């Protein structure tokens, strides 16, 4: 997922907003937490999830819930980072890195008692690659031999895709190229199995939006089962009795509360009705950090906040306009005056990491931005067409959108309008590319720069900008076939350079994870992807 004078005015307004924090009263705790004696974790999960079907969703709120209900071949290690065995108890990798053989647990069970088999995984992989499902994340499986051809319709025989099931407990994956990040990638829900018989019952193998994902119908294989879904309120999952490692699951239940207003979420936390928030309001970050460090959490987050640009619409189909818009932004002002929680300005797309730091950078030259806009036919912003910023409901998104609006007016003489939509509507509008500029954020699906750079391939399910560059596609293909890491990273540098020159998006800042978590919550281990194996999380009395 992805910031001057006028911005300074915004900052003053934010800093002068009331800052307060009230101690929680014993009576403020939810009655059920006091009377049942059960360990029920209540967390703010941002917005209402789009769905709970792992093959059709693409958001972070959905990932949090799905990872409690389903388990892949591997999962998150107890300490937070790294890979641990999931349904697969062990695996071998061929010397050339092209064949992975997974051995599934004999005691892995679905929540209805059925065994989890290698064929469940194979049929699930076939489903997400089915063209008619139009899964945004189908491309994550293109590392498999012939997977892309099957998805694109060039191959109709799935037996020719690199997935084999010699027996019920053995799954073989054959890769089209060396994929050193595959084990990390397998933790993502795109690779999760679904219970095929249940989907067949609901005619959902190639359809979205059926009732198989509702309580009473959902059959999962994770540490929790789906107990309740109150739309726009909360989703409750309860400890699964059939999960292979049920004895290690410490919580009795988790409530994922749909709260897209950070102020409301913080208020519920402050009064004891939530154990953890998804974020903190901009005007509460400092007060938590300074006065309530026992609850304040700030950690690295492998993600970028950015704006998609619809490159198929004038004037954004002109590279000069896109680059002018990118150059004319004061990202330091946004980070320092609005966010104030350790974020860093982003002048490229892929966040820096121990593996990779981009050498490419969007220029910082306002005179150049004005020159480019004039060359495109809009000197001083004259005759610039009506344009709109689309963002999903959030106070911070609104404030940032207003800051960009002001910067472009002041620095380039152009006016843009703002359009706020609720999460699911916003997702549909973006997917249909019925926007000019659309707020976005991209959090790494695994710990490798490829999770950011494969986003911009021609026709990519999460590209959603119309951007297509043959040189970019070719360099990415070469990176996947690179003989060693040095060559692969050098090609990634080339990809970043193309993005900095073609600007299909406006990177604004690299995230930090900022939230509030009760000291009662144990084993909530931070990692740059903000993923976790929910069975390890615990609540103190």
Protein backbone atom coordinates (compact mmCIF):
# COMPACT_ATOMS: atom_id res chain seq x y z
CA UNK A 1 0.00 0.00 0.00
CA UNK A 2 0.99 4.44 -0.64
CA UNK A 3 3.81 14.56 1.35
CA UNK A 4 5.06 25.09 1.86
CA UNK A 5 3.55 27.11 3.53
CA UNK A 6 -0.07 26.02 3.30
CA UNK A 7 0.84 22.60 4.79
CA UNK A 8 2.25 24.42 7.78
CA UNK A 9 -1.24 25.88 8.38
CA UNK A 10 -2.62 22.34 8.46
CA UNK A 11 0.07 21.33 10.90
CA UNK A 12 -0.76 24.20 13.26
CA UNK A 13 -4.41 23.20 13.20
CA UNK A 14 -3.54 19.64 14.05
CA UNK A 15 -1.12 20.56 16.80
CA UNK A 16 -3.66 22.87 18.41
CA UNK A 17 -6.35 20.20 18.50
CA UNK A 18 -7.31 19.03 22.00
CA UNK A 19 -5.01 16.39 23.39
CA UNK A 20 -6.35 14.38 26.29
CA UNK A 21 -6.20 10.96 27.78
CA UNK A 22 -8.44 9.57 30.49
CA UNK A 23 -7.65 6.65 32.69
CA UNK A 24 -9.79 3.58 32.16
CA UNK A 25 -12.31 2.80 34.84
CA UNK A 26 -12.82 -0.77 36.00
CA UNK A 27 -16.49 -0.41 35.10
CA UNK A 28 -15.63 0.58 31.52
CA UNK A 29 -14.48 -2.93 30.61
CA UNK A 30 -16.99 -4.96 28.60
CA UNK A 31 -19.16 -7.08 30.86
CA UNK A 32 -18.35 -10.28 28.97
CA UNK A 33 -14.66 -9.80 29.66
CA UNK A 34 -15.35 -9.60 33.36
CA UNK A 35 -17.89 -12.35 33.76
CA UNK A 36 -16.96 -15.14 31.35
CA UNK A 37 -13.35 -15.68 32.36
CA UNK A 38 -12.54 -16.38 28.71
CA UNK A 39 -9.58 -14.91 26.88
CA UNK A 40 -11.27 -12.76 24.24
CA UNK A 41 -8.96 -10.39 22.36
CA UNK A 42 -10.74 -7.29 21.04
CA UNK A 43 -8.91 -5.39 18.35
CA UNK A 44 -9.64 -2.52 16.01
CA UNK A 45 -9.22 -3.77 12.47
CA UNK A 46 -9.77 -0.64 10.44
CA UNK A 47 -12.57 -0.82 7.94
CA UNK A 48 -15.24 -3.44 7.23
CA UNK A 49 -13.61 -6.28 5.27
CA UNK A 50 -14.39 -6.59 1.59
CA UNK A 51 -14.86 -10.36 1.92
CA UNK A 52 -13.32 -13.38 3.69
CA UNK A 53 -12.56 -15.31 0.50
CA UNK A 54 -8.74 -15.49 0.34
CA UNK A 55 -8.77 -15.64 -3.45
CA UNK A 56 -10.69 -12.43 -4.10
CA UNK A 57 -9.52 -9.97 -1.42
CA UNK A 58 -6.43 -7.78 -1.42
CA UNK A 59 -6.48 -5.70 1.78
CA UNK A 60 -4.75 -5.69 5.15
CA UNK A 61 -7.99 -5.80 7.22
CA UNK A 62 -8.99 -8.94 5.35
CA UNK A 63 -5.56 -10.53 5.81
CA UNK A 64 -5.75 -10.19 9.59
CA UNK A 65 -9.02 -12.13 9.78
CA UNK A 66 -8.29 -14.72 7.10
CA UNK A 67 -4.98 -15.64 8.73
CA UNK A 68 -6.94 -16.66 11.85
CA UNK A 69 -9.36 -18.81 9.84
CA UNK A 70 -7.03 -20.46 7.32
CA UNK A 71 -3.48 -21.78 7.33
CA UNK A 72 -1.13 -22.31 4.42
CA UNK A 73 1.79 -24.63 3.94
CA UNK A 74 3.92 -22.40 6.16
CA UNK A 75 3.09 -19.69 8.69
CA UNK A 76 4.68 -16.95 10.80
CA UNK A 77 7.28 -18.00 13.34
CA UNK A 78 6.36 -17.46 17.02
CA UNK A 79 8.89 -14.66 17.39
CA UNK A 80 7.18 -12.67 14.62
CA UNK A 81 9.61 -12.75 11.71
CA UNK A 82 10.56 -15.81 9.71
CA UNK A 83 8.87 -18.97 8.51
CA UNK A 84 7.50 -21.84 10.60
CA UNK A 85 5.82 -25.08 9.48
CA UNK A 86 2.08 -24.77 8.93
CA UNK A 87 0.06 -27.51 7.25
CA UNK A 88 3.38 -28.73 5.88
CA UNK A 89 5.45 -30.27 8.65
CA UNK A 90 8.59 -30.38 6.49
CA UNK A 91 9.86 -29.72 2.96
CA UNK A 92 12.82 -30.18 0.64
CA UNK A 93 14.15 -27.84 -2.04
CA UNK A 94 16.04 -29.10 -5.09
CA UNK A 95 19.64 -27.90 -5.55
CA UNK A 96 18.63 -25.68 -8.49
CA UNK A 97 15.81 -24.11 -6.44
CA UNK A 98 13.13 -25.08 -8.97
CA UNK A 99 11.34 -27.90 -7.13
CA UNK A 100 9.79 -27.74 -3.65
CA UNK A 101 8.40 -30.91 -2.07
CA UNK A 102 6.08 -30.37 0.92
CA UNK A 103 5.03 -33.09 3.36
CA UNK A 104 1.64 -32.40 4.95
CA UNK A 105 0.69 -33.26 8.51
CA UNK A 106 -1.37 -36.40 9.08
CA UNK A 107 -3.44 -34.58 11.73
CA UNK A 108 -4.23 -31.42 9.69
CA UNK A 109 -8.02 -31.05 9.66
CA UNK A 110 -10.67 -28.75 8.30
CA UNK A 111 -13.13 -27.37 10.84
CA UNK A 112 -15.72 -29.94 9.71
CA UNK A 113 -13.29 -32.76 10.47
CA UNK A 114 -12.16 -33.54 6.91
CA UNK A 115 -8.42 -34.13 6.44
CA UNK A 116 -6.44 -31.36 4.73
CA UNK A 117 -4.83 -32.95 1.68
CA UNK A 118 -2.40 -32.03 -1.05
CA UNK A 119 -5.30 -32.07 -3.50
CA UNK A 120 -7.00 -29.32 -1.46
CA UNK A 121 -4.00 -27.11 -2.16
CA UNK A 122 -3.84 -28.09 -5.84
CA UNK A 123 -7.55 -27.39 -6.39
CA UNK A 124 -7.23 -24.10 -4.50
CA UNK A 125 -4.31 -23.02 -6.68
CA UNK A 126 -6.36 -23.94 -9.75
CA UNK A 127 -9.23 -21.83 -8.45
CA UNK A 128 -7.25 -18.62 -7.91
CA UNK A 129 -5.75 -19.07 -11.39
CA UNK A 130 -9.17 -19.55 -13.01
CA UNK A 131 -9.56 -16.59 -15.41
CA UNK A 132 -13.27 -16.08 -14.73
CA UNK A 133 -12.62 -15.49 -11.01
CA UNK A 134 -10.44 -12.49 -11.96
CA UNK A 135 -8.39 -12.74 -8.76
CA UNK A 136 -6.22 -9.65 -8.24
CA UNK A 137 -3.58 -11.80 -6.59
CA UNK A 138 -3.48 -14.58 -9.21
CA UNK A 139 -0.13 -13.25 -10.42
CA UNK A 140 1.45 -14.24 -7.09
CA UNK A 141 1.30 -17.85 -8.34
CA UNK A 142 2.89 -17.13 -11.70
CA UNK A 143 6.18 -18.51 -10.34
CA UNK A 144 4.69 -21.96 -10.99
CA UNK A 145 5.41 -23.58 -14.34
CA UNK A 146 2.66 -22.64 -16.84
CA UNK A 147 0.56 -20.83 -14.20
CA UNK A 148 0.51 -17.58 -16.16
CA UNK A 149 -0.45 -19.38 -19.37
CA UNK A 150 -3.33 -21.10 -17.58
CA UNK A 151 -4.55 -17.81 -16.11
CA UNK A 152 -4.34 -16.02 -19.46
CA UNK A 153 -6.26 -18.77 -21.23
CA UNK A 154 -3.37 -20.02 -23.34
CA UNK A 155 -3.46 -23.36 -21.52
CA UNK A 156 -6.63 -25.18 -20.50
CA UNK A 157 -5.10 -28.30 -18.94
CA UNK A 158 -4.25 -27.57 -15.31
CA UNK A 159 -2.27 -30.82 -15.06
CA UNK A 160 0.45 -29.03 -17.04
CA UNK A 161 0.79 -26.36 -14.33
CA UNK A 162 3.65 -26.98 -11.89
CA UNK A 163 1.54 -28.53 -9.13
CA UNK A 164 1.68 -32.27 -8.41
CA UNK A 165 0.01 -34.45 -5.76
CA UNK A 166 1.79 -37.85 -5.67
CA UNK A 167 -0.31 -38.75 -2.63
CA UNK A 168 -2.64 -37.10 -0.13
CA UNK A 169 0.20 -35.84 2.04
CA UNK A 170 2.76 -34.81 -0.60
CA UNK A 171 2.60 -31.61 -2.63
CA UNK A 172 5.19 -30.82 -5.29
CA UNK A 173 5.61 -27.29 -6.68
CA UNK A 174 7.65 -26.89 -9.87
CA UNK A 175 8.83 -23.35 -10.56
CA UNK A 176 9.45 -21.60 -13.85
CA UNK A 177 12.41 -19.74 -12.35
CA UNK A 178 14.42 -19.54 -9.17
CA UNK A 179 12.27 -17.92 -6.46
CA UNK A 180 14.42 -17.39 -3.35
CA UNK A 181 11.52 -15.71 -1.50
CA UNK A 182 9.00 -18.49 -2.13
CA UNK A 183 8.73 -19.73 1.46
CA UNK A 184 8.08 -16.19 2.70
CA UNK A 185 5.56 -15.68 -0.11
CA UNK A 186 3.66 -18.83 0.88
CA UNK A 187 2.58 -17.09 4.11
CA UNK A 188 0.29 -14.87 2.04
CA UNK A 189 -3.41 -15.73 1.74
CA UNK A 190 -3.19 -16.04 -2.06
CA UNK A 191 -1.55 -19.42 -1.40
CA UNK A 192 -4.05 -20.55 1.26
CA UNK A 193 -6.28 -23.57 0.65
CA UNK A 194 -10.06 -23.42 0.60
CA UNK A 195 -12.46 -26.27 1.33
CA UNK A 196 -13.41 -27.28 -2.20
CA UNK A 197 -16.54 -29.25 -1.30
CA UNK A 198 -17.98 -26.20 0.46
CA UNK A 199 -17.27 -23.95 -2.50
CA UNK A 200 -18.84 -26.48 -4.85
CA UNK A 201 -21.95 -26.51 -2.65
CA UNK A 202 -22.25 -22.72 -3.05
CA UNK A 203 -21.23 -22.73 -6.72
CA UNK A 204 -18.31 -20.52 -5.73
CA UNK A 205 -15.36 -22.07 -7.56
CA UNK A 206 -15.38 -19.34 -10.19
CA UNK A 207 -17.72 -16.80 -8.58
CA UNK A 208 -17.30 -14.01 -6.06
CA UNK A 209 -19.69 -12.94 -3.33
CA UNK A 210 -21.42 -16.21 -2.49
CA UNK A 211 -22.48 -17.19 1.03
CA UNK A 212 -19.75 -19.74 1.67
CA UNK A 213 -17.80 -17.17 3.69
CA UNK A 214 -20.58 -16.62 6.24
CA UNK A 215 -20.88 -18.06 9.76
CA UNK A 216 -22.34 -21.54 9.67
CA UNK A 217 -20.99 -22.10 6.14
CA UNK A 218 -17.30 -21.20 6.36
CA UNK A 219 -15.05 -24.25 6.62
CA UNK A 220 -11.46 -23.36 7.48
CA UNK A 221 -8.29 -25.08 8.63
CA UNK A 222 -6.80 -22.36 10.85
CA UNK A 223 -6.54 -22.00 14.62
CA UNK A 224 -9.94 -20.25 14.78
CA UNK A 225 -13.39 -20.72 13.25
CA UNK A 226 -15.86 -18.07 12.08
CA UNK A 227 -18.49 -17.57 14.79
CA UNK A 228 -20.17 -14.25 14.03
CA UNK A 229 -20.20 -11.52 11.39
CA UNK A 230 -22.08 -8.35 12.23
CA UNK A 231 -21.63 -6.12 9.16
CA UNK A 232 -19.86 -2.83 9.88
CA UNK A 233 -19.51 -3.84 13.53
CA UNK A 234 -17.35 -6.86 14.22
CA UNK A 235 -16.31 -10.34 13.16
CA UNK A 236 -15.78 -12.90 15.92
CA UNK A 237 -13.62 -16.00 15.54
CA UNK A 238 -13.44 -18.75 18.15
CA UNK A 239 -10.79 -21.31 18.95
CA UNK A 240 -10.99 -24.32 16.64
CA UNK A 241 -11.25 -27.79 18.19
CA UNK A 242 -10.07 -29.49 14.97
CA UNK A 243 -6.92 -27.44 14.33
CA UNK A 244 -3.83 -29.66 14.40
CA UNK A 245 -2.13 -27.48 17.03
CA UNK A 246 -5.22 -26.54 19.07
CA UNK A 247 -3.39 -27.23 22.32
CA UNK A 248 -1.04 -24.32 21.55
CA UNK A 249 -3.83 -21.82 20.77
CA UNK A 250 -4.00 -19.52 23.78
CA UNK A 251 -7.00 -17.29 23.08
CA UNK A 252 -10.60 -18.44 23.28
CA UNK A 253 -11.76 -15.89 20.73
CA UNK A 254 -10.80 -12.76 18.80
CA UNK A 255 -13.15 -9.91 17.94
CA UNK A 256 -12.12 -7.91 14.86
CA UNK A 257 -13.95 -4.59 15.14
CA UNK A 258 -14.66 -2.62 11.96
CA UNK A 259 -13.82 0.96 12.92
CA UNK A 260 -12.56 3.27 10.18
CA UNK A 261 -12.56 6.37 12.42
CA UNK A 262 -9.29 6.53 14.41
CA UNK A 263 -10.83 8.83 17.03
CA UNK A 264 -13.64 6.37 17.72
CA UNK A 265 -11.19 3.51 17.84
CA UNK A 266 -8.89 5.33 20.27
CA UNK A 267 -11.85 6.18 22.49
CA UNK A 268 -12.86 2.52 22.68
CA UNK A 269 -9.29 1.59 23.59
CA UNK A 270 -9.08 4.31 26.22
CA UNK A 271 -12.29 3.10 27.89
CA UNK A 272 -11.21 -0.55 27.91
CA UNK A 273 -13.45 -1.80 25.12
CA UNK A 274 -10.54 -2.63 22.81
CA UNK A 275 -7.24 -4.32 23.62
CA UNK A 276 -5.47 -3.01 20.51
CA UNK A 277 -6.04 -0.38 17.83
CA UNK A 278 -5.17 -0.50 14.15
CA UNK A 279 -3.76 3.02 14.28
CA UNK A 280 -3.82 6.22 16.33
CA UNK A 281 -5.33 9.61 15.47
CA UNK A 282 -2.76 12.10 14.24
CA UNK A 283 -3.38 14.37 17.22
CA UNK A 284 -2.96 11.58 19.78
CA UNK A 285 0.37 10.11 18.66
CA UNK A 286 2.53 12.43 20.76
CA UNK A 287 0.42 12.10 23.92
CA UNK A 288 0.61 8.30 23.79
CA UNK A 289 4.30 8.27 23.01
CA UNK A 290 5.18 10.66 25.85
CA UNK A 291 2.62 9.91 28.56
CA UNK A 292 1.51 6.34 27.96
CA UNK A 293 4.56 4.47 26.65
CA UNK A 294 3.23 1.21 28.13
CA UNK A 295 0.51 1.23 25.44
CA UNK A 296 2.27 3.05 22.61
CA UNK A 297 3.73 0.92 19.82
CA UNK A 298 5.84 2.26 16.96
CA UNK A 299 7.72 -0.17 14.75
CA UNK A 300 9.10 -0.48 11.21
CA UNK A 301 6.49 -1.30 8.58
CA UNK A 302 7.50 -2.57 5.12
CA UNK A 303 5.15 -0.40 3.13
CA UNK A 304 4.66 2.74 1.08
CA UNK A 305 1.82 5.28 1.03
CA UNK A 306 1.20 6.52 -2.50
CA UNK A 307 -1.32 7.75 -5.07
CA UNK A 308 -2.19 5.71 -8.13
CA UNK A 309 -2.44 7.75 -11.35
CA UNK A 310 -4.85 6.66 -14.05
CA UNK A 311 -2.42 6.73 -16.96
CA UNK A 312 -5.20 6.09 -19.48
CA UNK A 313 -6.92 9.43 -18.80
CA UNK A 314 -5.79 12.85 -20.04
CA UNK A 315 -3.86 14.69 -18.80
CA UNK A 316 -2.32 11.86 -16.74
CA UNK A 317 -1.53 9.91 -19.90
CA UNK A 318 1.25 12.49 -20.37
CA UNK A 319 4.42 11.52 -18.50
CA UNK A 320 5.39 15.20 -18.16
CA UNK A 321 2.22 15.94 -16.21
CA UNK A 322 2.70 12.95 -13.93
CA UNK A 323 6.29 13.90 -13.23
CA UNK A 324 5.37 17.54 -12.58
CA UNK A 325 2.76 16.45 -10.04
CA UNK A 326 5.31 14.19 -8.33
CA UNK A 327 8.02 16.84 -8.16
CA UNK A 328 5.74 19.57 -6.81
CA UNK A 329 5.03 17.77 -3.51
CA UNK A 330 6.75 18.64 -0.24
CA UNK A 331 6.97 15.21 1.32
CA UNK A 332 9.09 16.43 4.24
CA UNK A 333 6.31 18.80 5.30
CA UNK A 334 3.78 15.97 5.35
CA UNK A 335 6.00 13.68 7.40
CA UNK A 336 7.26 16.31 9.83
CA UNK A 337 4.17 18.50 10.26
CA UNK A 338 1.22 16.15 9.78
CA UNK A 339 2.23 12.55 10.53
CA UNK A 340 4.99 13.02 13.12
CA UNK A 341 5.48 9.32 13.90
CA UNK A 342 8.78 8.30 12.34
CA UNK A 343 7.62 8.02 8.72
CA UNK A 344 10.17 8.90 6.04
CA UNK A 345 9.59 10.77 2.75
CA UNK A 346 9.39 8.49 -0.30
CA UNK A 347 11.03 9.58 -3.55
CA UNK A 348 10.89 6.06 -4.98
CA UNK A 349 8.43 3.20 -4.65
CA UNK A 350 10.16 0.29 -2.88
CA UNK A 351 10.87 0.90 0.83
CA UNK A 352 14.51 0.50 1.88
CA UNK A 353 15.45 -2.78 3.52
CA UNK A 354 18.61 -4.75 4.36
CA UNK A 355 18.23 -6.47 0.98
CA UNK A 356 17.63 -3.45 -1.23
CA UNK A 357 17.72 0.34 -1.25
CA UNK A 358 16.77 2.15 -4.43
CA UNK A 359 19.27 4.49 -6.05
CA UNK A 360 16.56 5.98 -8.26
CA UNK A 361 14.77 9.07 -7.01
CA UNK A 362 12.09 11.51 -8.15
CA UNK A 363 13.77 14.93 -8.61
CA UNK A 364 13.31 17.72 -6.07
CA UNK A 365 13.19 20.71 -8.42
CA UNK A 366 10.08 22.90 -8.43
CA UNK A 367 11.33 24.91 -11.44
CA UNK A 368 11.54 21.65 -13.40
CA UNK A 369 7.99 20.74 -12.38
CA UNK A 370 6.68 24.06 -13.71
CA UNK A 371 8.69 23.68 -16.89
CA UNK A 372 7.31 20.17 -17.50
CA UNK A 373 3.74 21.37 -16.94
CA UNK A 374 4.27 24.21 -19.44
CA UNK A 375 5.73 21.79 -22.00
CA UNK A 376 2.61 19.66 -21.62
CA UNK A 377 0.48 22.68 -22.54
CA UNK A 378 -0.51 24.01 -19.11
CA UNK A 379 1.78 26.98 -18.31
CA UNK A 380 1.13 28.13 -14.77
CA UNK A 381 -1.72 25.63 -14.62
CA UNK A 382 -3.70 27.47 -17.32
CA UNK A 383 -6.44 25.33 -18.93
CA UNK A 384 -5.56 22.35 -16.74
CA UNK A 385 -8.63 20.08 -16.82
CA UNK A 386 -10.77 19.17 -13.84
CA UNK A 387 -9.14 16.38 -11.85
CA UNK A 388 -10.11 14.49 -8.70
CA UNK A 389 -8.39 12.75 -5.80
CA UNK A 390 -10.18 9.59 -4.65
CA UNK A 391 -9.56 8.39 -1.08
CA UNK A 392 -11.26 6.01 1.33
CA UNK A 393 -12.77 7.24 4.57
CA UNK A 394 -10.09 8.25 7.07
CA UNK A 395 -9.15 11.50 8.77
CA UNK A 396 -5.47 11.09 7.92
CA UNK A 397 -6.26 10.35 4.26
CA UNK A 398 -8.40 13.48 4.12
CA UNK A 399 -5.75 15.70 5.69
CA UNK A 400 -3.06 14.38 3.34
CA UNK A 401 -5.33 14.80 0.30
CA UNK A 402 -5.99 18.39 1.34
CA UNK A 403 -2.27 19.01 1.72
CA UNK A 404 -1.62 17.74 -1.82
CA UNK A 405 -4.50 19.82 -3.12
CA UNK A 406 -2.96 22.93 -1.58
CA UNK A 407 0.59 22.17 -2.73
CA UNK A 408 -0.49 21.75 -6.35
CA UNK A 409 -2.55 24.92 -6.23
CA UNK A 410 0.31 26.90 -4.76
CA UNK A 411 3.23 25.35 -6.66
CA UNK A 412 1.68 24.63 -10.06
CA UNK A 413 -1.46 26.74 -10.20
CA UNK A 414 -3.78 23.79 -10.71
CA UNK A 415 -6.92 22.84 -8.81
CA UNK A 416 -8.02 19.32 -7.92
CA UNK A 417 -11.17 18.16 -6.15
CA UNK A 418 -11.54 15.56 -3.40
CA UNK A 419 -13.79 12.50 -3.47
CA UNK A 420 -14.24 10.43 -0.31
CA UNK A 421 -15.74 6.93 -0.59
CA UNK A 422 -16.30 4.09 1.86
CA UNK A 423 -13.82 1.20 1.66
CA UNK A 424 -15.74 -1.27 -0.48
CA UNK A 425 -17.02 1.42 -2.86
CA UNK A 426 -13.51 2.85 -3.12
CA UNK A 427 -12.11 -0.59 -3.95
CA UNK A 428 -14.66 -1.08 -6.71
CA UNK A 429 -14.04 2.38 -8.16
CA UNK A 430 -10.28 1.83 -8.18
CA UNK A 431 -10.58 -1.65 -9.66
CA UNK A 432 -12.78 -0.30 -12.46
CA UNK A 433 -10.28 2.55 -12.98
CA UNK A 434 -13.05 5.13 -12.72
CA UNK A 435 -10.76 7.67 -11.06
CA UNK A 436 -8.03 10.20 -11.84
CA UNK A 437 -5.85 9.83 -8.75
CA UNK A 438 -6.52 7.22 -6.08
CA UNK A 439 -4.97 7.01 -2.64
CA UNK A 440 -3.27 3.70 -2.00
CA UNK A 441 -0.93 1.92 0.33
CA UNK A 442 1.12 -1.17 -0.36
CA UNK A 443 2.43 -3.37 2.42
CA UNK A 444 4.87 -6.07 1.42
CA UNK A 445 3.32 -9.52 1.05
CA UNK A 446 6.72 -11.00 1.92
CA UNK A 447 10.19 -9.81 2.79
CA UNK A 448 11.62 -9.10 -0.67
CA UNK A 449 11.56 -6.07 -3.01
CA UNK A 450 9.82 -8.17 -5.65
CA UNK A 451 6.58 -7.81 -3.68
CA UNK A 452 6.61 -4.11 -4.63
CA UNK A 453 8.08 -4.31 -8.10
CA UNK A 454 5.83 -7.01 -9.56
CA UNK A 455 2.92 -4.65 -8.86
CA UNK A 456 3.66 -2.62 -12.01
CA UNK A 457 3.72 -5.38 -14.61
CA UNK A 458 1.44 -4.96 -17.61
CA UNK A 459 -2.03 -6.23 -16.71
CA UNK A 460 -1.06 -6.96 -13.11
CA UNK A 461 -4.08 -7.59 -10.89
CA UNK A 462 -3.11 -4.85 -8.42
CA UNK A 463 -1.59 -2.43 -10.95
CA UNK A 464 -4.94 -0.70 -11.58
CA UNK A 465 -3.36 2.34 -13.28
CA UNK A 466 -3.22 1.22 -16.92
CA UNK A 467 0.57 1.57 -16.77
CA UNK A 468 2.36 -0.67 -19.27
CA UNK A 469 6.03 -0.57 -20.14
CA UNK A 470 7.67 -3.28 -22.25
CA UNK A 471 11.12 -2.45 -20.90
CA UNK A 472 9.86 -2.78 -17.35
CA UNK A 473 8.23 -6.16 -18.08
CA UNK A 474 11.40 -7.45 -19.74
CA UNK A 475 13.67 -6.32 -16.91
CA UNK A 476 11.39 -7.93 -14.34
CA UNK A 477 11.38 -11.21 -16.26
CA UNK A 478 15.18 -11.05 -16.38
CA UNK A 479 15.28 -10.46 -12.62
CA UNK A 480 13.20 -13.58 -12.00
CA UNK A 481 15.63 -15.57 -14.12
CA UNK A 482 18.75 -13.97 -12.65
CA UNK A 483 21.48 -16.49 -11.79
CA UNK A 484 22.35 -14.81 -8.47
CA UNK A 485 21.18 -12.19 -5.99
CA UNK A 486 23.59 -9.49 -7.16
CA UNK A 487 22.21 -9.65 -10.69
CA UNK A 488 18.62 -9.75 -9.43
CA UNK A 489 19.11 -6.66 -7.26
CA UNK A 490 20.84 -4.80 -10.12
CA UNK A 491 17.81 -5.42 -12.31
CA UNK A 492 15.54 -4.23 -9.50
CA UNK A 493 17.50 -0.96 -9.56
CA UNK A 494 16.64 -0.66 -13.24
CA UNK A 495 12.95 -1.19 -12.44
CA UNK A 496 13.01 1.56 -9.83
CA UNK A 497 14.63 3.91 -12.35
CA UNK A 498 11.83 3.26 -14.84
CA UNK A 499 9.21 3.96 -12.16
CA UNK A 500 10.95 7.22 -11.20
CA UNK A 501 10.95 8.32 -14.85
CA UNK A 502 7.47 7.12 -15.87
CA UNK A 503 5.70 7.84 -12.52
CA UNK A 504 2.59 5.65 -12.72
CA UNK A 505 2.17 6.60 -9.07
CA UNK A 506 3.16 9.29 -6.59
CA UNK A 507 5.05 7.73 -3.65
CA UNK A 508 4.63 9.96 -0.60
CA UNK A 509 6.12 8.27 2.45
CA UNK A 510 7.33 4.97 3.87
CA UNK A 511 5.24 3.72 6.75
CA UNK A 512 5.92 3.12 10.37
CA UNK A 513 3.40 1.05 12.35
CA UNK A 514 1.80 3.22 15.05
CA UNK A 515 -0.93 1.88 17.33
CA UNK A 516 -1.97 1.35 20.94
CA UNK A 517 -1.86 -2.10 22.56
CA UNK A 518 -2.85 -2.94 26.12
CA UNK A 519 -0.06 -4.28 28.35
CA UNK A 520 -2.36 -7.29 28.90
CA UNK A 521 -1.68 -8.46 25.33
CA UNK A 522 1.24 -10.86 25.21
CA UNK A 523 3.28 -12.32 22.34
CA UNK A 524 2.19 -9.59 19.93
CA UNK A 525 5.57 -9.63 18.26
CA UNK A 526 6.24 -6.83 15.79
CA UNK A 527 7.58 -7.54 12.32
CA UNK A 528 7.90 -5.30 9.23
CA UNK A 529 4.87 -6.92 7.55
CA UNK A 530 2.65 -6.65 10.66
CA UNK A 531 1.55 -10.27 10.27
CA UNK A 532 1.31 -12.81 13.07
CA UNK A 533 0.31 -16.32 13.89
CA UNK A 534 -2.73 -15.69 16.05
CA UNK A 535 -2.39 -18.94 17.98
CA UNK A 536 0.63 -17.52 19.82
CA UNK A 537 -1.06 -14.29 20.99
CA UNK A 538 -2.21 -14.33 24.61
CA UNK A 539 -4.01 -12.17 27.17
CA UNK A 540 -2.84 -11.76 30.74
CA UNK A 541 -5.51 -11.79 33.47
